[in-house]
Amino acid sequence: MGAKGPTTKVSNAKLKHLIKLAETYCIKAEDGEWEVEPGTYQAILRAVDHVKTEMAKQDRQRRRTMNISFVQDPERREMVGQQNTRQKSVIEQAYDDE
């Protein structure tokens, strides 16, 4: 896999304004309200799809969470520890099956 090119950070709030502008352009062009160059229309249409896809990828990444509960009762900790290690072996087995 090749090296990735330079990256730029742009907030999704700013990208949403650009998407709205680009979608308006496309709608006006499709309705025949505006006469536009076909190459420009196609480029903007592809760019909107690309930006929406990238924004969706970022949303998925942000939603990753870990559910961790503190176990205060020392007697219960032993049972929870056994459950945790049992689940770990199932996960390890899944990796072994690949």
N, C-alpha and C. Protein backbone atom coordinates (compact mmCIF):
# COMPACT_ATOMS: atom_id res chain seq x y z
N MET A 1 0.84 -1.17 0.00
CA MET A 1 0.00 0.00 0.00
C MET A 1 0.89 1.24 0.00
N GLY A 2 0.59 2.19 -0.86
CA GLY A 2 1.40 3.38 -0.99
C GLY A 2 1.21 4.36 0.15
N ALA A 3 2.11 5.32 0.21
CA ALA A 3 2.03 6.34 1.24
C ALA A 3 0.85 7.26 0.97
N LYS A 4 0.23 7.70 2.04
CA LYS A 4 -0.91 8.61 1.90
C LYS A 4 -0.38 10.02 1.66
N GLY A 5 -1.18 10.80 0.94
CA GLY A 5 -0.81 12.18 0.67
C GLY A 5 -1.05 13.06 1.89
N PRO A 6 -0.81 14.35 1.73
CA PRO A 6 -1.02 15.26 2.86
C PRO A 6 -2.51 15.33 3.23
N THR A 7 -2.77 15.55 4.50
CA THR A 7 -4.16 15.64 4.97
C THR A 7 -4.43 17.05 5.47
N THR A 8 -5.70 17.41 5.47
CA THR A 8 -6.14 18.70 5.95
C THR A 8 -7.29 18.49 6.90
N LYS A 9 -7.32 19.23 8.00
CA LYS A 9 -8.43 19.13 8.94
C LYS A 9 -9.43 20.23 8.65
N VAL A 10 -10.68 19.83 8.41
CA VAL A 10 -11.77 20.76 8.18
C VAL A 10 -12.93 20.28 9.03
N SER A 11 -13.57 21.20 9.76
CA SER A 11 -14.68 20.78 10.61
C SER A 11 -15.87 20.36 9.77
N ASN A 12 -16.63 19.41 10.28
CA ASN A 12 -17.82 18.94 9.57
C ASN A 12 -18.86 20.05 9.44
N ALA A 13 -18.87 20.99 10.39
CA ALA A 13 -19.82 22.11 10.31
C ALA A 13 -19.55 22.94 9.06
N LYS A 14 -18.27 23.18 8.76
CA LYS A 14 -17.93 23.95 7.56
C LYS A 14 -18.22 23.14 6.30
N LEU A 15 -17.97 21.84 6.37
CA LEU A 15 -18.23 20.99 5.21
C LEU A 15 -19.73 20.93 4.89
N LYS A 16 -20.56 20.99 5.94
CA LYS A 16 -22.01 20.95 5.72
C LYS A 16 -22.47 22.17 4.92
N HIS A 17 -21.85 23.33 5.16
CA HIS A 17 -22.20 24.53 4.39
C HIS A 17 -21.83 24.34 2.92
N LEU A 18 -20.66 23.76 2.68
CA LEU A 18 -20.23 23.52 1.30
C LEU A 18 -21.12 22.48 0.61
N ILE A 19 -21.53 21.47 1.35
CA ILE A 19 -22.43 20.46 0.77
C ILE A 19 -23.75 21.09 0.38
N LYS A 20 -24.27 21.96 1.24
CA LYS A 20 -25.54 22.63 0.94
C LYS A 20 -25.41 23.48 -0.32
N LEU A 21 -24.31 24.19 -0.44
CA LEU A 21 -24.07 25.02 -1.63
C LEU A 21 -23.96 24.14 -2.87
N ALA A 22 -23.21 23.05 -2.78
CA ALA A 22 -23.01 22.16 -3.93
C ALA A 22 -24.32 21.48 -4.32
N GLU A 23 -25.11 21.07 -3.32
CA GLU A 23 -26.39 20.43 -3.63
C GLU A 23 -27.35 21.42 -4.29
N THR A 24 -27.33 22.66 -3.84
CA THR A 24 -28.16 23.69 -4.46
C THR A 24 -27.76 23.87 -5.91
N TYR A 25 -26.44 23.91 -6.17
CA TYR A 25 -25.93 24.03 -7.54
C TYR A 25 -26.46 22.89 -8.40
N CYS A 26 -26.36 21.67 -7.87
CA CYS A 26 -26.80 20.50 -8.64
C CYS A 26 -28.30 20.52 -8.90
N ILE A 27 -29.07 20.88 -7.89
CA ILE A 27 -30.53 20.93 -8.05
C ILE A 27 -30.92 21.97 -9.10
N LYS A 28 -30.31 23.15 -9.03
CA LYS A 28 -30.62 24.22 -10.00
C LYS A 28 -30.23 23.79 -11.41
N ALA A 29 -29.10 23.07 -11.53
CA ALA A 29 -28.66 22.59 -12.83
C ALA A 29 -29.60 21.50 -13.35
N GLU A 30 -30.00 20.59 -12.48
CA GLU A 30 -30.88 19.49 -12.88
C GLU A 30 -32.27 19.99 -13.27
N ASP A 31 -32.74 21.02 -12.60
CA ASP A 31 -34.06 21.59 -12.90
C ASP A 31 -34.03 22.50 -14.12
N GLY A 32 -32.83 22.77 -14.65
CA GLY A 32 -32.70 23.63 -15.82
C GLY A 32 -32.78 25.11 -15.50
N GLU A 33 -32.76 25.44 -14.20
CA GLU A 33 -32.80 26.84 -13.79
C GLU A 33 -31.50 27.54 -14.13
N TRP A 34 -30.39 26.81 -14.00
CA TRP A 34 -29.07 27.35 -14.32
C TRP A 34 -28.50 26.55 -15.49
N GLU A 35 -27.86 27.23 -16.41
CA GLU A 35 -27.14 26.57 -17.49
C GLU A 35 -25.69 26.50 -17.07
N VAL A 36 -25.19 25.27 -16.90
CA VAL A 36 -23.83 25.08 -16.37
C VAL A 36 -23.04 24.17 -17.30
N GLU A 37 -21.74 24.16 -17.10
CA GLU A 37 -20.87 23.28 -17.88
C GLU A 37 -21.00 21.86 -17.36
N PRO A 38 -21.16 20.87 -18.25
CA PRO A 38 -21.36 19.48 -17.82
C PRO A 38 -20.20 18.95 -16.97
N GLY A 39 -18.97 19.30 -17.32
CA GLY A 39 -17.81 18.81 -16.55
C GLY A 39 -17.82 19.33 -15.13
N THR A 40 -18.18 20.59 -14.97
CA THR A 40 -18.23 21.19 -13.63
C THR A 40 -19.34 20.54 -12.81
N TYR A 41 -20.49 20.33 -13.43
CA TYR A 41 -21.62 19.69 -12.74
C TYR A 41 -21.21 18.30 -12.26
N GLN A 42 -20.59 17.49 -13.14
CA GLN A 42 -20.18 16.13 -12.77
C GLN A 42 -19.14 16.15 -11.64
N ALA A 43 -18.19 17.08 -11.71
CA ALA A 43 -17.15 17.17 -10.69
C ALA A 43 -17.75 17.52 -9.33
N ILE A 44 -18.68 18.46 -9.32
CA ILE A 44 -19.32 18.85 -8.06
C ILE A 44 -20.16 17.70 -7.50
N LEU A 45 -20.85 17.00 -8.37
CA LEU A 45 -21.66 15.86 -7.95
C LEU A 45 -20.79 14.79 -7.30
N ARG A 46 -19.66 14.47 -7.92
CA ARG A 46 -18.74 13.47 -7.36
C ARG A 46 -18.13 13.97 -6.05
N ALA A 47 -17.80 15.25 -5.97
CA ALA A 47 -17.19 15.80 -4.76
C ALA A 47 -18.15 15.73 -3.58
N VAL A 48 -19.42 16.03 -3.83
CA VAL A 48 -20.42 15.96 -2.76
C VAL A 48 -20.52 14.52 -2.23
N ASP A 49 -20.58 13.55 -3.13
CA ASP A 49 -20.66 12.15 -2.71
C ASP A 49 -19.43 11.75 -1.90
N HIS A 50 -18.27 12.21 -2.35
CA HIS A 50 -17.02 11.87 -1.66
C HIS A 50 -16.98 12.47 -0.25
N VAL A 51 -17.35 13.73 -0.13
CA VAL A 51 -17.32 14.40 1.17
C VAL A 51 -18.32 13.75 2.13
N LYS A 52 -19.51 13.41 1.64
CA LYS A 52 -20.50 12.75 2.48
C LYS A 52 -19.99 11.40 2.97
N THR A 53 -19.32 10.67 2.09
CA THR A 53 -18.76 9.37 2.46
C THR A 53 -17.71 9.52 3.55
N GLU A 54 -16.81 10.50 3.38
CA GLU A 54 -15.75 10.72 4.38
C GLU A 54 -16.34 11.17 5.72
N MET A 55 -17.36 12.00 5.68
CA MET A 55 -18.00 12.43 6.93
C MET A 55 -18.66 11.25 7.63
N ALA A 56 -19.26 10.36 6.88
CA ALA A 56 -19.89 9.18 7.46
C ALA A 56 -18.84 8.28 8.11
N LYS A 57 -17.68 8.15 7.49
CA LYS A 57 -16.60 7.35 8.07
C LYS A 57 -16.16 7.93 9.41
N GLN A 58 -16.05 9.25 9.48
CA GLN A 58 -15.63 9.89 10.73
C GLN A 58 -16.67 9.68 11.82
N ASP A 59 -17.95 9.75 11.47
CA ASP A 59 -19.01 9.53 12.45
C ASP A 59 -18.93 8.13 13.03
N ARG A 60 -18.67 7.14 12.18
CA ARG A 60 -18.57 5.77 12.67
C ARG A 60 -17.41 5.63 13.64
N GLN A 61 -16.28 6.26 13.35
CA GLN A 61 -15.11 6.15 14.21
C GLN A 61 -15.36 6.77 15.57
N ARG A 62 -16.08 7.85 15.60
CA ARG A 62 -16.30 8.57 16.85
C ARG A 62 -17.23 7.79 17.78
N ARG A 63 -18.04 6.91 17.28
CA ARG A 63 -19.03 6.22 18.09
C ARG A 63 -18.48 5.02 18.84
N ARG A 64 -17.24 4.69 18.65
CA ARG A 64 -16.67 3.53 19.33
C ARG A 64 -16.51 3.83 20.81
N THR A 65 -17.13 3.01 21.65
CA THR A 65 -17.03 3.20 23.09
C THR A 65 -16.78 1.86 23.76
N MET A 66 -16.34 1.92 25.00
CA MET A 66 -16.16 0.72 25.80
C MET A 66 -17.05 0.85 27.02
N ASN A 67 -17.85 -0.15 27.27
CA ASN A 67 -18.70 -0.15 28.45
C ASN A 67 -17.96 -0.84 29.59
N ILE A 68 -17.59 -0.06 30.60
CA ILE A 68 -16.85 -0.58 31.75
C ILE A 68 -17.61 -0.18 33.01
N SER A 69 -17.89 -1.16 33.85
CA SER A 69 -18.56 -0.89 35.12
C SER A 69 -17.64 -1.27 36.27
N PHE A 70 -17.53 -0.39 37.26
CA PHE A 70 -16.72 -0.66 38.44
C PHE A 70 -17.45 -1.64 39.34
N VAL A 71 -16.74 -2.68 39.79
CA VAL A 71 -17.33 -3.69 40.69
C VAL A 71 -16.79 -3.40 42.08
N GLN A 72 -17.67 -2.94 42.97
CA GLN A 72 -17.25 -2.53 44.31
C GLN A 72 -17.15 -3.72 45.27
N ASP A 73 -18.03 -4.68 45.14
CA ASP A 73 -18.09 -5.83 46.05
C ASP A 73 -16.93 -6.79 45.77
N PRO A 74 -16.02 -6.97 46.78
CA PRO A 74 -14.85 -7.85 46.57
C PRO A 74 -15.24 -9.30 46.26
N GLU A 75 -16.34 -9.79 46.84
CA GLU A 75 -16.76 -11.17 46.59
C GLU A 75 -17.24 -11.33 45.15
N ARG A 76 -17.88 -10.31 44.63
CA ARG A 76 -18.39 -10.37 43.25
C ARG A 76 -17.26 -10.23 42.24
N ARG A 77 -16.18 -9.57 42.64
CA ARG A 77 -15.05 -9.33 41.72
C ARG A 77 -14.47 -10.64 41.19
N GLU A 78 -14.38 -11.65 42.07
CA GLU A 78 -13.82 -12.94 41.63
C GLU A 78 -14.68 -13.55 40.53
N MET A 79 -16.01 -13.52 40.74
CA MET A 79 -16.92 -14.07 39.74
C MET A 79 -16.82 -13.28 38.42
N VAL A 80 -16.78 -11.94 38.52
CA VAL A 80 -16.69 -11.10 37.33
C VAL A 80 -15.36 -11.34 36.62
N GLY A 81 -14.29 -11.52 37.39
CA GLY A 81 -12.98 -11.80 36.79
C GLY A 81 -13.00 -13.09 35.99
N GLN A 82 -13.68 -14.11 36.53
CA GLN A 82 -13.78 -15.38 35.80
C GLN A 82 -14.60 -15.21 34.52
N GLN A 83 -15.68 -14.44 34.62
CA GLN A 83 -16.50 -14.17 33.43
C GLN A 83 -15.68 -13.44 32.37
N ASN A 84 -14.90 -12.45 32.82
CA ASN A 84 -14.09 -11.67 31.87
C ASN A 84 -13.07 -12.54 31.16
N THR A 85 -12.41 -13.42 31.92
CA THR A 85 -11.39 -14.27 31.29
C THR A 85 -12.02 -15.32 30.40
N ARG A 86 -13.22 -15.79 30.75
CA ARG A 86 -13.92 -16.74 29.90
C ARG A 86 -14.28 -16.07 28.57
N GLN A 87 -14.75 -14.85 28.62
CA GLN A 87 -15.09 -14.12 27.40
C GLN A 87 -13.84 -13.85 26.58
N LYS A 88 -12.72 -13.59 27.25
CA LYS A 88 -11.47 -13.34 26.54
C LYS A 88 -11.07 -14.57 25.73
N SER A 89 -11.23 -15.74 26.30
CA SER A 89 -10.84 -16.95 25.58
C SER A 89 -11.72 -17.15 24.35
N VAL A 90 -12.99 -16.75 24.42
CA VAL A 90 -13.88 -16.85 23.26
C VAL A 90 -13.39 -15.91 22.16
N ILE A 91 -12.98 -14.72 22.55
CA ILE A 91 -12.47 -13.74 21.58
C ILE A 91 -11.17 -14.25 20.96
N GLU A 92 -10.29 -14.77 21.81
CA GLU A 92 -9.04 -15.32 21.29
C GLU A 92 -9.30 -16.47 20.33
N GLN A 93 -10.29 -17.28 20.64
CA GLN A 93 -10.64 -18.41 19.77
C GLN A 93 -11.14 -17.91 18.42
N ALA A 94 -11.88 -16.82 18.41
CA ALA A 94 -12.37 -16.26 17.16
C ALA A 94 -11.21 -15.85 16.27
N TYR A 95 -10.15 -15.29 16.87
CA TYR A 95 -8.97 -14.92 16.09
C TYR A 95 -8.24 -16.16 15.58
N ASP A 96 -8.24 -17.23 16.37
CA ASP A 96 -7.59 -18.46 15.95
C ASP A 96 -8.33 -19.11 14.79
N ASP A 97 -9.65 -18.93 14.73
CA ASP A 97 -10.46 -19.53 13.67
C ASP A 97 -10.24 -18.86 12.31
N GLU A 98 -9.73 -17.63 12.31
CA GLU A 98 -9.55 -16.91 11.04
C GLU A 98 -8.44 -17.49 10.19
